[in-house]
Amino acid sequence: MLDPIREESGNLSRAWLRAFVATYESPGHEALGLAVEIRAPDQTLREESGIRRSLDRALAGLHTNSPKRTAGVETVASTIFPKSLWNPSLPRDRLFSRYRRVLPFLKRDPRNAHGMYFERFLQHDQLDHVIRTRVEAGNNRRSAYQLSVFDPSVDHGDWRQRGFPCLQQVSFVPDRDAGDVQVFAYYATQTMFEKAYGNYLGLWDLGRFVAHCWGLKMTGLTCIAAVAKAANDKNTTLAGRLKRELEAAS
């Protein structure tokens, strides 16, 4: 197991890079029980353009034979929270209805055949309940502020590989005295090269949305992966090349 990775300056890029390198350098390019904490007391999530560009460039190489398919950071993040569809000045149900309208088009992509995270958050009105139970019902029970992804009725099976859902649960923890929200997410497995950066970004955006609806600040994310893999086996060489490039630039 790796020691928790803590980034107190709100720098997502640095937090991801440290987690990626630590996982890659672990035996078998794999680590158990990886926890990554990103704190931004001033609510400002920071990114380093050089790291982000290098990662996006490397991810673009995964689909050189399919130019219409993208695998960049923003694509991954949008599966967790579709930031481009959210207008903070409008009621939250506008976001939900816009997403439901475009969902059939999103699911035409074979990668989304088993579902999408934000789609799961809207099922059974989970996300709306998390917001409403605090704001409208005055419910301060912290266990009420969580989203479930895994659905045994469709996700249990004997497949050797499936890819979705790796994210299992998201919890939102408000602090009334500090006026902020911390987000905690749990992954059964997580690939650091292909997914983790976009995962962190999407979870932060999701937390910002909930915090906005609650009238609070989004200041922290903790992401726990039971199994963290540096990359899918077929992409290990490409991930190693990116690691060396980023270390040389540091």
C-alpha atoms as a PDB file:
ATOM      1  CA  MET A   1       0.000   0.000   0.000  1.00  0.00           C
ATOM      2  CA  LEU A   2       1.139   3.540  -0.769  1.00  0.00           C
ATOM      3  CA  ASP A   3       1.092   6.380   1.698  1.00  0.00           C
ATOM      4  CA  PRO A   4      -1.780   8.822   1.069  1.00  0.00           C
ATOM      5  CA  ILE A   5      -0.955  11.515  -1.462  1.00  0.00           C
ATOM      6  CA  ARG A   6      -1.956  14.951  -0.179  1.00  0.00           C
ATOM      7  CA  GLU A   7      -1.984  18.134  -2.211  1.00  0.00           C
ATOM      8  CA  GLU A   8      -2.886  21.130  -0.035  1.00  0.00           C
ATOM      9  CA  SER A   9      -2.578  23.808  -2.731  1.00  0.00           C
ATOM     10  CA  GLY A  10      -5.504  22.665  -4.876  1.00  0.00           C
ATOM     11  CA  ASN A  11      -3.146  21.590  -7.679  1.00  0.00           C
ATOM     12  CA  LEU A  12      -4.911  18.700  -9.384  1.00  0.00           C
ATOM     13  CA  SER A  13      -2.132  18.234 -11.938  1.00  0.00           C
ATOM     14  CA  ARG A  14       0.530  17.731  -9.273  1.00  0.00           C
ATOM     15  CA  ALA A  15      -1.668  15.401  -7.236  1.00  0.00           C
ATOM     16  CA  TRP A  16      -2.342  13.255 -10.294  1.00  0.00           C
ATOM     17  CA  LEU A  17       1.322  13.219 -11.353  1.00  0.00           C
ATOM     18  CA  ARG A  18       2.479  12.071  -7.932  1.00  0.00           C
ATOM     19  CA  ALA A  19      -0.164   9.321  -7.887  1.00  0.00           C
ATOM     20  CA  PHE A  20       0.672   8.238 -11.436  1.00  0.00           C
ATOM     21  CA  VAL A  21       4.418   8.032 -10.789  1.00  0.00           C
ATOM     22  CA  ALA A  22       3.998   6.265  -7.442  1.00  0.00           C
ATOM     23  CA  THR A  23       1.685   3.684  -8.979  1.00  0.00           C
ATOM     24  CA  TYR A  24       3.897   3.125 -12.016  1.00  0.00           C
ATOM     25  CA  GLU A  25       6.914   2.553  -9.763  1.00  0.00           C
ATOM     26  CA  SER A  26       5.047   0.027  -7.597  1.00  0.00           C
ATOM     27  CA  PRO A  27       5.614  -3.700  -8.169  1.00  0.00           C
ATOM     28  CA  GLY A  28       3.689  -4.759 -11.241  1.00  0.00           C
ATOM     29  CA  HIS A  29       2.765  -1.102 -11.862  1.00  0.00           C
ATOM     30  CA  GLU A  30      -0.069  -1.578  -9.388  1.00  0.00           C
ATOM     31  CA  ALA A  31      -0.889  -0.357  -5.868  1.00  0.00           C
ATOM     32  CA  LEU A  32      -3.538  -1.327  -3.342  1.00  0.00           C
ATOM     33  CA  GLY A  33      -5.492   1.189  -1.310  1.00  0.00           C
ATOM     34  CA  LEU A  34      -4.341   4.394  -3.002  1.00  0.00           C
ATOM     35  CA  ALA A  35      -5.811   7.557  -1.449  1.00  0.00           C
ATOM     36  CA  VAL A  36      -5.388  10.935  -3.140  1.00  0.00           C
ATOM     37  CA  GLU A  37      -6.454  14.079  -1.291  1.00  0.00           C
ATOM     38  CA  ILE A  38      -6.758  17.467  -2.979  1.00  0.00           C
ATOM     39  CA  ARG A  39      -7.509  20.466  -0.802  1.00  0.00           C
ATOM     40  CA  ALA A  40      -8.271  23.982  -2.055  1.00  0.00           C
ATOM     41  CA  PRO A  41      -9.180  26.193   0.921  1.00  0.00           C
ATOM     42  CA  ASP A  42      -9.648  29.166  -1.429  1.00  0.00           C
ATOM     43  CA  GLN A  43     -12.001  27.105  -3.679  1.00  0.00           C
ATOM     44  CA  THR A  44      -9.567  27.419  -6.591  1.00  0.00           C
ATOM     45  CA  LEU A  45      -8.701  24.166  -8.340  1.00  0.00           C
ATOM     46  CA  ARG A  46      -5.372  24.589 -10.098  1.00  0.00           C
ATOM     47  CA  GLU A  47      -3.965  22.818 -13.144  1.00  0.00           C
ATOM     48  CA  GLU A  48      -0.593  22.979 -14.848  1.00  0.00           C
ATOM     49  CA  SER A  49      -1.050  23.358 -18.580  1.00  0.00           C
ATOM     50  CA  GLY A  50       2.143  21.457 -19.434  1.00  0.00           C
ATOM     51  CA  ILE A  51       1.061  18.344 -17.536  1.00  0.00           C
ATOM     52  CA  ARG A  52      -2.478  18.507 -18.889  1.00  0.00           C
ATOM     53  CA  ARG A  53      -1.334  18.990 -22.489  1.00  0.00           C
ATOM     54  CA  SER A  54       1.178  16.142 -22.305  1.00  0.00           C
ATOM     55  CA  LEU A  55      -1.432  13.768 -20.896  1.00  0.00           C
ATOM     56  CA  ASP A  56      -4.061  14.774 -23.465  1.00  0.00           C
ATOM     57  CA  ARG A  57      -1.516  14.293 -26.235  1.00  0.00           C
ATOM     58  CA  ALA A  58      -0.659  10.808 -24.987  1.00  0.00           C
ATOM     59  CA  LEU A  59      -4.321   9.870 -24.589  1.00  0.00           C
ATOM     60  CA  ALA A  60      -5.062  11.028 -28.132  1.00  0.00           C
ATOM     61  CA  GLY A  61      -2.609   8.380 -29.283  1.00  0.00           C
ATOM     62  CA  LEU A  62      -4.909   5.656 -27.964  1.00  0.00           C
ATOM     63  CA  HIS A  63      -7.348   6.200 -30.817  1.00  0.00           C
ATOM     64  CA  THR A  64      -5.178   7.076 -33.798  1.00  0.00           C
ATOM     65  CA  ASN A  65      -7.166   4.599 -35.896  1.00  0.00           C
ATOM     66  CA  SER A  66     -10.495   6.138 -34.852  1.00  0.00           C
ATOM     67  CA  PRO A  67     -10.239   9.931 -35.234  1.00  0.00           C
ATOM     68  CA  LYS A  68     -13.865  10.436 -34.230  1.00  0.00           C
ATOM     69  CA  ARG A  69     -13.237   8.909 -30.811  1.00  0.00           C
ATOM     70  CA  THR A  70     -11.568  10.960 -28.118  1.00  0.00           C
ATOM     71  CA  ALA A  71     -10.045   9.813 -24.851  1.00  0.00           C
ATOM     72  CA  GLY A  72      -8.842  13.076 -23.344  1.00  0.00           C
ATOM     73  CA  VAL A  73      -9.179  14.370 -19.815  1.00  0.00           C
ATOM     74  CA  GLU A  74     -12.329  16.393 -20.536  1.00  0.00           C
ATOM     75  CA  THR A  75     -14.059  13.403 -22.124  1.00  0.00           C
ATOM     76  CA  VAL A  76     -13.498  11.330 -18.985  1.00  0.00           C
ATOM     77  CA  ALA A  77     -14.515  14.180 -16.659  1.00  0.00           C
ATOM     78  CA  SER A  78     -17.778  14.770 -18.520  1.00  0.00           C
ATOM     79  CA  THR A  79     -18.953  11.208 -17.835  1.00  0.00           C
ATOM     80  CA  ILE A  80     -19.027  12.137 -14.142  1.00  0.00           C
ATOM     81  CA  PHE A  81     -20.303  15.687 -14.512  1.00  0.00           C
ATOM     82  CA  PRO A  82     -21.302  17.307 -17.849  1.00  0.00           C
ATOM     83  CA  LYS A  83     -19.954  20.754 -17.023  1.00  0.00           C
ATOM     84  CA  SER A  84     -20.659  22.110 -20.511  1.00  0.00           C
ATOM     85  CA  LEU A  85     -24.405  21.608 -19.939  1.00  0.00           C
ATOM     86  CA  TRP A  86     -24.555  23.411 -16.584  1.00  0.00           C
ATOM     87  CA  ASN A  87     -25.576  27.037 -16.243  1.00  0.00           C
ATOM     88  CA  PRO A  88     -25.234  27.989 -12.540  1.00  0.00           C
ATOM     89  CA  SER A  89     -27.782  30.791 -12.981  1.00  0.00           C
ATOM     90  CA  LEU A  90     -30.544  28.320 -13.917  1.00  0.00           C
ATOM     91  CA  PRO A  91     -32.410  25.814 -11.703  1.00  0.00           C
ATOM     92  CA  ARG A  92     -30.746  22.435 -11.407  1.00  0.00           C
ATOM     93  CA  ASP A  93     -33.566  20.651 -13.204  1.00  0.00           C
ATOM     94  CA  ARG A  94     -32.487  22.427 -16.399  1.00  0.00           C
ATOM     95  CA  LEU A  95     -29.186  20.565 -16.240  1.00  0.00           C
ATOM     96  CA  PHE A  96     -30.953  17.271 -15.617  1.00  0.00           C
ATOM     97  CA  SER A  97     -33.379  17.734 -18.512  1.00  0.00           C
ATOM     98  CA  ARG A  98     -30.636  18.849 -20.917  1.00  0.00           C
ATOM     99  CA  TYR A  99     -28.567  15.799 -20.028  1.00  0.00           C
ATOM    100  CA  ARG A 100     -31.473  13.425 -20.511  1.00  0.00           C
ATOM    101  CA  ARG A 101     -32.081  14.892 -23.956  1.00  0.00           C
ATOM    102  CA  VAL A 102     -28.511  14.292 -25.137  1.00  0.00           C
ATOM    103  CA  LEU A 103     -28.080  10.939 -23.383  1.00  0.00           C
ATOM    104  CA  PRO A 104     -29.316   8.829 -26.344  1.00  0.00           C
ATOM    105  CA  PHE A 105     -26.645  10.417 -28.528  1.00  0.00           C
ATOM    106  CA  LEU A 106     -23.934   9.852 -25.898  1.00  0.00           C
ATOM    107  CA  LYS A 107     -24.843   6.184 -25.613  1.00  0.00           C
ATOM    108  CA  ARG A 108     -24.252   5.620 -29.300  1.00  0.00           C
ATOM    109  CA  ASP A 109     -20.565   5.520 -28.403  1.00  0.00           C
ATOM    110  CA  PRO A 110     -19.704   1.843 -27.721  1.00  0.00           C
ATOM    111  CA  ARG A 111     -17.654   2.907 -24.681  1.00  0.00           C
ATOM    112  CA  ASN A 112     -20.880   4.052 -23.014  1.00  0.00           C
ATOM    113  CA  ALA A 113     -22.855   0.895 -23.781  1.00  0.00           C
ATOM    114  CA  HIS A 114     -22.976  -0.223 -20.141  1.00  0.00           C
ATOM    115  CA  GLY A 115     -23.936   3.199 -18.819  1.00  0.00           C
ATOM    116  CA  MET A 116     -22.476   6.534 -17.750  1.00  0.00           C
ATOM    117  CA  TYR A 117     -21.808   7.836 -14.282  1.00  0.00           C
ATOM    118  CA  PHE A 118     -23.959  10.954 -14.438  1.00  0.00           C
ATOM    119  CA  GLU A 119     -26.752   8.810 -15.881  1.00  0.00           C
ATOM    120  CA  ARG A 120     -26.516   6.579 -12.792  1.00  0.00           C
ATOM    121  CA  PHE A 121     -26.552   9.643 -10.522  1.00  0.00           C
ATOM    122  CA  LEU A 122     -29.859  10.718 -12.039  1.00  0.00           C
ATOM    123  CA  GLN A 123     -31.448   7.281 -11.753  1.00  0.00           C
ATOM    124  CA  HIS A 124     -33.982   7.104  -8.912  1.00  0.00           C
ATOM    125  CA  ASP A 125     -33.458  10.902  -8.636  1.00  0.00           C
ATOM    126  CA  GLN A 126     -30.386  10.256  -6.471  1.00  0.00           C
ATOM    127  CA  LEU A 127     -28.595  13.524  -7.162  1.00  0.00           C
ATOM    128  CA  ASP A 128     -31.722  15.633  -6.846  1.00  0.00           C
ATOM    129  CA  HIS A 129     -32.496  13.930  -3.527  1.00  0.00           C
ATOM    130  CA  VAL A 130     -29.019  14.672  -2.154  1.00  0.00           C
ATOM    131  CA  ILE A 131     -29.563  18.355  -2.886  1.00  0.00           C
ATOM    132  CA  ARG A 132     -33.226  18.574  -1.939  1.00  0.00           C
ATOM    133  CA  THR A 133     -33.062  16.639   1.338  1.00  0.00           C
ATOM    134  CA  ARG A 134     -30.653  19.209   2.787  1.00  0.00           C
ATOM    135  CA  VAL A 135     -31.958  22.406   1.238  1.00  0.00           C
ATOM    136  CA  GLU A 136     -35.700  21.790   1.247  1.00  0.00           C
ATOM    137  CA  ALA A 137     -36.202  19.165   3.957  1.00  0.00           C
ATOM    138  CA  GLY A 138     -33.512  20.446   6.330  1.00  0.00           C
ATOM    139  CA  ASN A 139     -32.045  16.963   6.645  1.00  0.00           C
ATOM    140  CA  ASN A 140     -28.614  17.050   8.324  1.00  0.00           C
ATOM    141  CA  ARG A 141     -28.089  13.267   8.297  1.00  0.00           C
ATOM    142  CA  ARG A 142     -24.742  12.905   6.556  1.00  0.00           C
ATOM    143  CA  SER A 143     -25.449   9.388   5.333  1.00  0.00           C
ATOM    144  CA  ALA A 144     -28.220  10.890   3.190  1.00  0.00           C
ATOM    145  CA  TYR A 145     -25.682  12.741   1.067  1.00  0.00           C
ATOM    146  CA  GLN A 146     -24.349   9.916  -1.073  1.00  0.00           C
ATOM    147  CA  LEU A 147     -24.673   8.551  -4.586  1.00  0.00           C
ATOM    148  CA  SER A 148     -24.463   4.872  -5.513  1.00  0.00           C
ATOM    149  CA  VAL A 149     -23.242   3.688  -8.892  1.00  0.00           C
ATOM    150  CA  PHE A 150     -22.955  -0.100  -8.723  1.00  0.00           C
ATOM    151  CA  ASP A 151     -26.230  -1.862  -9.511  1.00  0.00           C
ATOM    152  CA  PRO A 152     -26.091  -5.635  -8.822  1.00  0.00           C
ATOM    153  CA  SER A 153     -29.076  -6.276 -11.085  1.00  0.00           C
ATOM    154  CA  VAL A 154     -27.050  -5.242 -14.150  1.00  0.00           C
ATOM    155  CA  ASP A 155     -23.399  -5.070 -13.032  1.00  0.00           C
ATOM    156  CA  HIS A 156     -22.898  -8.506 -11.493  1.00  0.00           C
ATOM    157  CA  GLY A 157     -21.718 -11.033 -14.049  1.00  0.00           C
ATOM    158  CA  ASP A 158     -18.889 -13.331 -15.078  1.00  0.00           C
ATOM    159  CA  TRP A 159     -17.235 -10.992 -17.572  1.00  0.00           C
ATOM    160  CA  ARG A 160     -13.432 -11.047 -17.521  1.00  0.00           C
ATOM    161  CA  GLN A 161     -13.363  -7.375 -18.460  1.00  0.00           C
ATOM    162  CA  ARG A 162     -16.117  -4.793 -18.542  1.00  0.00           C
ATOM    163  CA  GLY A 163     -14.719  -1.351 -17.730  1.00  0.00           C
ATOM    164  CA  PHE A 164     -17.849   0.106 -16.116  1.00  0.00           C
ATOM    165  CA  PRO A 165     -18.545   0.905 -13.394  1.00  0.00           C
ATOM    166  CA  CYS A 166     -15.196   1.355 -11.663  1.00  0.00           C
ATOM    167  CA  LEU A 167     -16.499   4.242  -9.541  1.00  0.00           C
ATOM    168  CA  GLN A 168     -18.752   2.759  -6.868  1.00  0.00           C
ATOM    169  CA  GLN A 169     -19.849   5.530  -4.527  1.00  0.00           C
ATOM    170  CA  VAL A 170     -19.637   9.277  -3.949  1.00  0.00           C
ATOM    171  CA  SER A 171     -20.307  10.995  -0.615  1.00  0.00           C
ATOM    172  CA  PHE A 172     -20.676  14.713   0.085  1.00  0.00           C
ATOM    173  CA  VAL A 173     -19.723  15.928   3.558  1.00  0.00           C
ATOM    174  CA  PRO A 174     -20.767  19.494   4.407  1.00  0.00           C
ATOM    175  CA  ASP A 175     -19.217  21.435   7.275  1.00  0.00           C
ATOM    176  CA  ARG A 176     -21.693  24.015   8.515  1.00  0.00           C
ATOM    177  CA  ASP A 177     -19.128  25.883  10.589  1.00  0.00           C
ATOM    178  CA  ALA A 178     -16.608  26.170   7.760  1.00  0.00           C
ATOM    179  CA  GLY A 179     -19.294  26.617   5.119  1.00  0.00           C
ATOM    180  CA  ASP A 180     -17.697  24.106   2.790  1.00  0.00           C
ATOM    181  CA  VAL A 181     -18.138  20.664   1.229  1.00  0.00           C
ATOM    182  CA  GLN A 182     -15.712  17.763   1.012  1.00  0.00           C
ATOM    183  CA  VAL A 183     -16.252  15.019  -1.582  1.00  0.00           C
ATOM    184  CA  PHE A 184     -15.212  11.397  -1.020  1.00  0.00           C
ATOM    185  CA  ALA A 185     -15.189   8.869  -3.868  1.00  0.00           C
ATOM    186  CA  TYR A 186     -14.452   5.153  -3.899  1.00  0.00           C
ATOM    187  CA  TYR A 187     -13.202   3.163  -6.890  1.00  0.00           C
ATOM    188  CA  ALA A 188     -12.935  -0.619  -7.021  1.00  0.00           C
ATOM    189  CA  THR A 189     -10.244  -0.194  -9.684  1.00  0.00           C
ATOM    190  CA  GLN A 190      -8.753   2.907 -11.275  1.00  0.00           C
ATOM    191  CA  THR A 191      -6.244   3.347 -14.095  1.00  0.00           C
ATOM    192  CA  MET A 192      -4.011   6.332 -13.461  1.00  0.00           C
ATOM    193  CA  PHE A 193      -2.948   6.923 -17.066  1.00  0.00           C
ATOM    194  CA  GLU A 194      -6.256   6.595 -18.889  1.00  0.00           C
ATOM    195  CA  LYS A 195      -8.783   7.754 -16.300  1.00  0.00           C
ATOM    196  CA  ALA A 196      -7.590   9.200 -12.992  1.00  0.00           C
ATOM    197  CA  TYR A 197      -6.939  12.807 -14.045  1.00  0.00           C
ATOM    198  CA  GLY A 198     -10.371  13.058 -15.670  1.00  0.00           C
ATOM    199  CA  ASN A 199     -11.907  11.278 -12.679  1.00  0.00           C
ATOM    200  CA  TYR A 200     -10.502  13.867 -10.273  1.00  0.00           C
ATOM    201  CA  LEU A 201     -11.644  16.738 -12.476  1.00  0.00           C
ATOM    202  CA  GLY A 202     -15.147  15.342 -12.963  1.00  0.00           C
ATOM    203  CA  LEU A 203     -15.579  14.633  -9.256  1.00  0.00           C
ATOM    204  CA  TRP A 204     -14.434  18.148  -8.401  1.00  0.00           C
ATOM    205  CA  ASP A 205     -16.944  19.620 -10.857  1.00  0.00           C
ATOM    206  CA  LEU A 206     -19.684  17.412  -9.395  1.00  0.00           C
ATOM    207  CA  GLY A 207     -18.776  18.620  -5.915  1.00  0.00           C
ATOM    208  CA  ARG A 208     -18.831  22.225  -7.092  1.00  0.00           C
ATOM    209  CA  PHE A 209     -22.327  21.696  -8.463  1.00  0.00           C
ATOM    210  CA  VAL A 210     -23.649  20.235  -5.197  1.00  0.00           C
ATOM    211  CA  ALA A 211     -21.883  22.913  -3.142  1.00  0.00           C
ATOM    212  CA  HIS A 212     -23.449  25.606  -5.340  1.00  0.00           C
ATOM    213  CA  CYS A 213     -26.912  24.131  -4.833  1.00  0.00           C
ATOM    214  CA  TRP A 214     -26.310  24.020  -1.074  1.00  0.00           C
ATOM    215  CA  GLY A 215     -24.931  27.543  -0.918  1.00  0.00           C
ATOM    216  CA  LEU A 216     -21.533  26.278   0.262  1.00  0.00           C
ATOM    217  CA  LYS A 217     -17.949  26.141  -1.047  1.00  0.00           C
ATOM    218  CA  MET A 218     -16.257  23.144  -2.656  1.00  0.00           C
ATOM    219  CA  THR A 219     -12.852  22.835  -0.998  1.00  0.00           C
ATOM    220  CA  GLY A 220     -11.726  19.220  -0.962  1.00  0.00           C
ATOM    221  CA  LEU A 221     -11.719  15.860  -2.734  1.00  0.00           C
ATOM    222  CA  THR A 222     -10.538  12.491  -1.461  1.00  0.00           C
ATOM    223  CA  CYS A 223     -10.429   9.682  -4.002  1.00  0.00           C
ATOM    224  CA  ILE A 224      -9.748   6.128  -2.850  1.00  0.00           C
ATOM    225  CA  ALA A 225      -8.907   3.294  -5.250  1.00  0.00           C
ATOM    226  CA  ALA A 226      -8.933  -0.232  -3.866  1.00  0.00           C
ATOM    227  CA  VAL A 227      -6.724  -1.211  -6.819  1.00  0.00           C
ATOM    228  CA  ALA A 228      -4.799   1.494  -8.667  1.00  0.00           C
ATOM    229  CA  LYS A 229      -3.150   0.471 -11.942  1.00  0.00           C
ATOM    230  CA  ALA A 230      -0.649   2.683 -13.693  1.00  0.00           C
ATOM    231  CA  ALA A 231      -2.317   1.809 -17.008  1.00  0.00           C
ATOM    232  CA  ASN A 232      -4.176  -0.910 -18.815  1.00  0.00           C
ATOM    233  CA  ASP A 233      -1.680  -3.617 -19.750  1.00  0.00           C
ATOM    234  CA  LYS A 234      -1.717  -2.763 -23.460  1.00  0.00           C
ATOM    235  CA  ASN A 235      -0.887   0.886 -22.668  1.00  0.00           C
ATOM    236  CA  THR A 236       1.955   0.349 -20.171  1.00  0.00           C
ATOM    237  CA  THR A 237       4.675   1.315 -22.658  1.00  0.00           C
ATOM    238  CA  LEU A 238       2.875   4.520 -23.633  1.00  0.00           C
ATOM    239  CA  ALA A 239       2.317   5.351 -19.962  1.00  0.00           C
ATOM    240  CA  GLY A 240       6.013   4.805 -19.233  1.00  0.00           C
ATOM    241  CA  ARG A 241       6.950   7.158 -22.046  1.00  0.00           C
ATOM    242  CA  LEU A 242       4.654   9.844 -20.599  1.00  0.00           C
ATOM    243  CA  LYS A 243       6.115   9.325 -17.119  1.00  0.00           C
ATOM    244  CA  ARG A 244       9.636   9.925 -18.390  1.00  0.00           C
ATOM    245  CA  GLU A 245       8.531  12.992 -20.348  1.00  0.00           C
ATOM    246  CA  LEU A 246       6.835  14.567 -17.341  1.00  0.00           C
ATOM    247  CA  GLU A 247       9.689  13.785 -14.961  1.00  0.00           C
ATOM    248  CA  ALA A 248      12.172  15.336 -17.381  1.00  0.00           C
ATOM    249  CA  ALA A 249      10.049  18.486 -17.561  1.00  0.00           C
ATOM    250  CA  SER A 250       9.700  18.807 -13.775  1.00  0.00           C
END
